């Protein structure tokens, strides 16, 4: 069975949207400032911005929570 051009183009478009791993990688790379322009264009070309918005909010919450926890641990040791 051979791949027709339609099947390959469907794989590239990904009608189901980005997977959890891809969203996490994009959010982490964007937060660190190492996002490639190709990956950024793929992210902005996806169907919905909501997975990236939710991922960004979760990442920000975890980042702030981690900072608060580290400060609490350091200050409790004094």
C-alpha atoms as a PDB file:
ATOM      1  CA  UNK A   1       0.000   0.000   0.000  1.00  0.00           C
ATOM      2  CA  UNK A   2       1.485   3.329  -1.042  1.00  0.00           C
ATOM      3  CA  UNK A   3       1.006   6.720   0.514  1.00  0.00           C
ATOM      4  CA  UNK A   4      -0.939   9.100  -1.637  1.00  0.00           C
ATOM      5  CA  UNK A   5      -0.201  12.837  -1.524  1.00  0.00           C
ATOM      6  CA  UNK A   6      -3.496  13.410   0.303  1.00  0.00           C
ATOM      7  CA  UNK A   7      -2.526  11.174   3.220  1.00  0.00           C
ATOM      8  CA  UNK A   8       0.793  12.934   3.658  1.00  0.00           C
ATOM      9  CA  UNK A   9      -0.795  16.383   3.566  1.00  0.00           C
ATOM     10  CA  UNK A  10      -3.351  15.261   6.151  1.00  0.00           C
ATOM     11  CA  UNK A  11      -0.537  14.194   8.462  1.00  0.00           C
ATOM     12  CA  UNK A  12       1.050  17.626   8.162  1.00  0.00           C
ATOM     13  CA  UNK A  13      -2.177  19.547   8.867  1.00  0.00           C
ATOM     14  CA  UNK A  14      -3.066  17.435  11.952  1.00  0.00           C
ATOM     15  CA  UNK A  15      -6.802  18.151  12.128  1.00  0.00           C
ATOM     16  CA  UNK A  16      -6.953  16.962  15.746  1.00  0.00           C
ATOM     17  CA  UNK A  17      -4.746  19.797  16.905  1.00  0.00           C
ATOM     18  CA  UNK A  18      -1.418  19.703  18.717  1.00  0.00           C
ATOM     19  CA  UNK A  19      -0.662  16.987  21.218  1.00  0.00           C
ATOM     20  CA  UNK A  20       0.069  17.622  24.867  1.00  0.00           C
ATOM     21  CA  UNK A  21       3.790  17.011  24.404  1.00  0.00           C
ATOM     22  CA  UNK A  22       4.026  19.472  21.505  1.00  0.00           C
ATOM     23  CA  UNK A  23       2.200  22.151  23.503  1.00  0.00           C
ATOM     24  CA  UNK A  24       4.467  21.596  26.517  1.00  0.00           C
ATOM     25  CA  UNK A  25       7.581  21.806  24.340  1.00  0.00           C
ATOM     26  CA  UNK A  26       6.354  24.978  22.652  1.00  0.00           C
ATOM     27  CA  UNK A  27       5.437  26.661  25.934  1.00  0.00           C
ATOM     28  CA  UNK A  28       8.774  25.751  27.553  1.00  0.00           C
ATOM     29  CA  UNK A  29      10.777  26.850  24.505  1.00  0.00           C
ATOM     30  CA  UNK A  30       8.821  30.104  24.298  1.00  0.00           C
ATOM     31  CA  UNK A  31       9.334  30.786  28.012  1.00  0.00           C
ATOM     32  CA  UNK A  32      13.066  30.213  27.689  1.00  0.00           C
ATOM     33  CA  UNK A  33      13.264  32.266  24.505  1.00  0.00           C
ATOM     34  CA  UNK A  34      14.657  29.498  22.329  1.00  0.00           C
ATOM     35  CA  UNK A  35      11.623  28.896  20.108  1.00  0.00           C
ATOM     36  CA  UNK A  36      12.572  28.443  16.454  1.00  0.00           C
ATOM     37  CA  UNK A  37      10.743  30.520  13.874  1.00  0.00           C
ATOM     38  CA  UNK A  38       9.575  27.356  12.101  1.00  0.00           C
ATOM     39  CA  UNK A  39       8.048  25.955  15.295  1.00  0.00           C
ATOM     40  CA  UNK A  40       6.492  29.325  16.160  1.00  0.00           C
ATOM     41  CA  UNK A  41       4.817  29.482  12.747  1.00  0.00           C
ATOM     42  CA  UNK A  42       3.481  25.947  13.248  1.00  0.00           C
ATOM     43  CA  UNK A  43       2.070  26.979  16.630  1.00  0.00           C
ATOM     44  CA  UNK A  44       0.401  30.098  15.275  1.00  0.00           C
ATOM     45  CA  UNK A  45      -0.945  28.126  12.319  1.00  0.00           C
ATOM     46  CA  UNK A  46      -2.796  25.622  14.524  1.00  0.00           C
ATOM     47  CA  UNK A  47      -6.566  25.609  14.722  1.00  0.00           C
ATOM     48  CA  UNK A  48      -7.014  27.007  18.209  1.00  0.00           C
ATOM     49  CA  UNK A  49      -4.821  29.075  20.503  1.00  0.00           C
ATOM     50  CA  UNK A  50      -6.462  27.646  23.639  1.00  0.00           C
ATOM     51  CA  UNK A  51      -4.066  24.722  24.229  1.00  0.00           C
ATOM     52  CA  UNK A  52      -1.152  27.172  24.182  1.00  0.00           C
ATOM     53  CA  UNK A  53      -2.949  29.706  26.401  1.00  0.00           C
ATOM     54  CA  UNK A  54      -3.841  27.044  28.965  1.00  0.00           C
ATOM     55  CA  UNK A  55      -0.326  25.578  28.778  1.00  0.00           C
ATOM     56  CA  UNK A  56       1.198  29.010  29.267  1.00  0.00           C
ATOM     57  CA  UNK A  57      -0.995  29.738  32.278  1.00  0.00           C
ATOM     58  CA  UNK A  58      -0.169  26.360  33.832  1.00  0.00           C
ATOM     59  CA  UNK A  59       3.554  26.866  33.186  1.00  0.00           C
ATOM     60  CA  UNK A  60       3.415  30.350  34.733  1.00  0.00           C
ATOM     61  CA  UNK A  61       1.541  29.059  37.778  1.00  0.00           C
ATOM     62  CA  UNK A  62       4.027  26.228  38.275  1.00  0.00           C
ATOM     63  CA  UNK A  63       6.955  28.605  37.817  1.00  0.00           C
ATOM     64  CA  UNK A  64       5.629  31.085  40.391  1.00  0.00           C
ATOM     65  CA  UNK A  65       4.732  28.254  42.788  1.00  0.00           C
ATOM     66  CA  UNK A  66       8.245  26.849  42.491  1.00  0.00           C
ATOM     67  CA  UNK A  67       9.792  30.257  43.193  1.00  0.00           C
ATOM     68  CA  UNK A  68       7.583  30.752  46.254  1.00  0.00           C
ATOM     69  CA  UNK A  69       8.466  27.273  47.517  1.00  0.00           C
ATOM     70  CA  UNK A  70      12.209  27.857  47.050  1.00  0.00           C
ATOM     71  CA  UNK A  71      12.031  31.209  48.865  1.00  0.00           C
ATOM     72  CA  UNK A  72      10.070  29.630  51.740  1.00  0.00           C
ATOM     73  CA  UNK A  73      12.613  26.828  52.092  1.00  0.00           C
ATOM     74  CA  UNK A  74      15.562  29.249  52.012  1.00  0.00           C
ATOM     75  CA  UNK A  75      13.990  31.630  54.529  1.00  0.00           C
ATOM     76  CA  UNK A  76      12.953  28.830  56.907  1.00  0.00           C
ATOM     77  CA  UNK A  77      16.570  27.675  57.089  1.00  0.00           C
ATOM     78  CA  UNK A  78      17.789  30.960  58.582  1.00  0.00           C
END
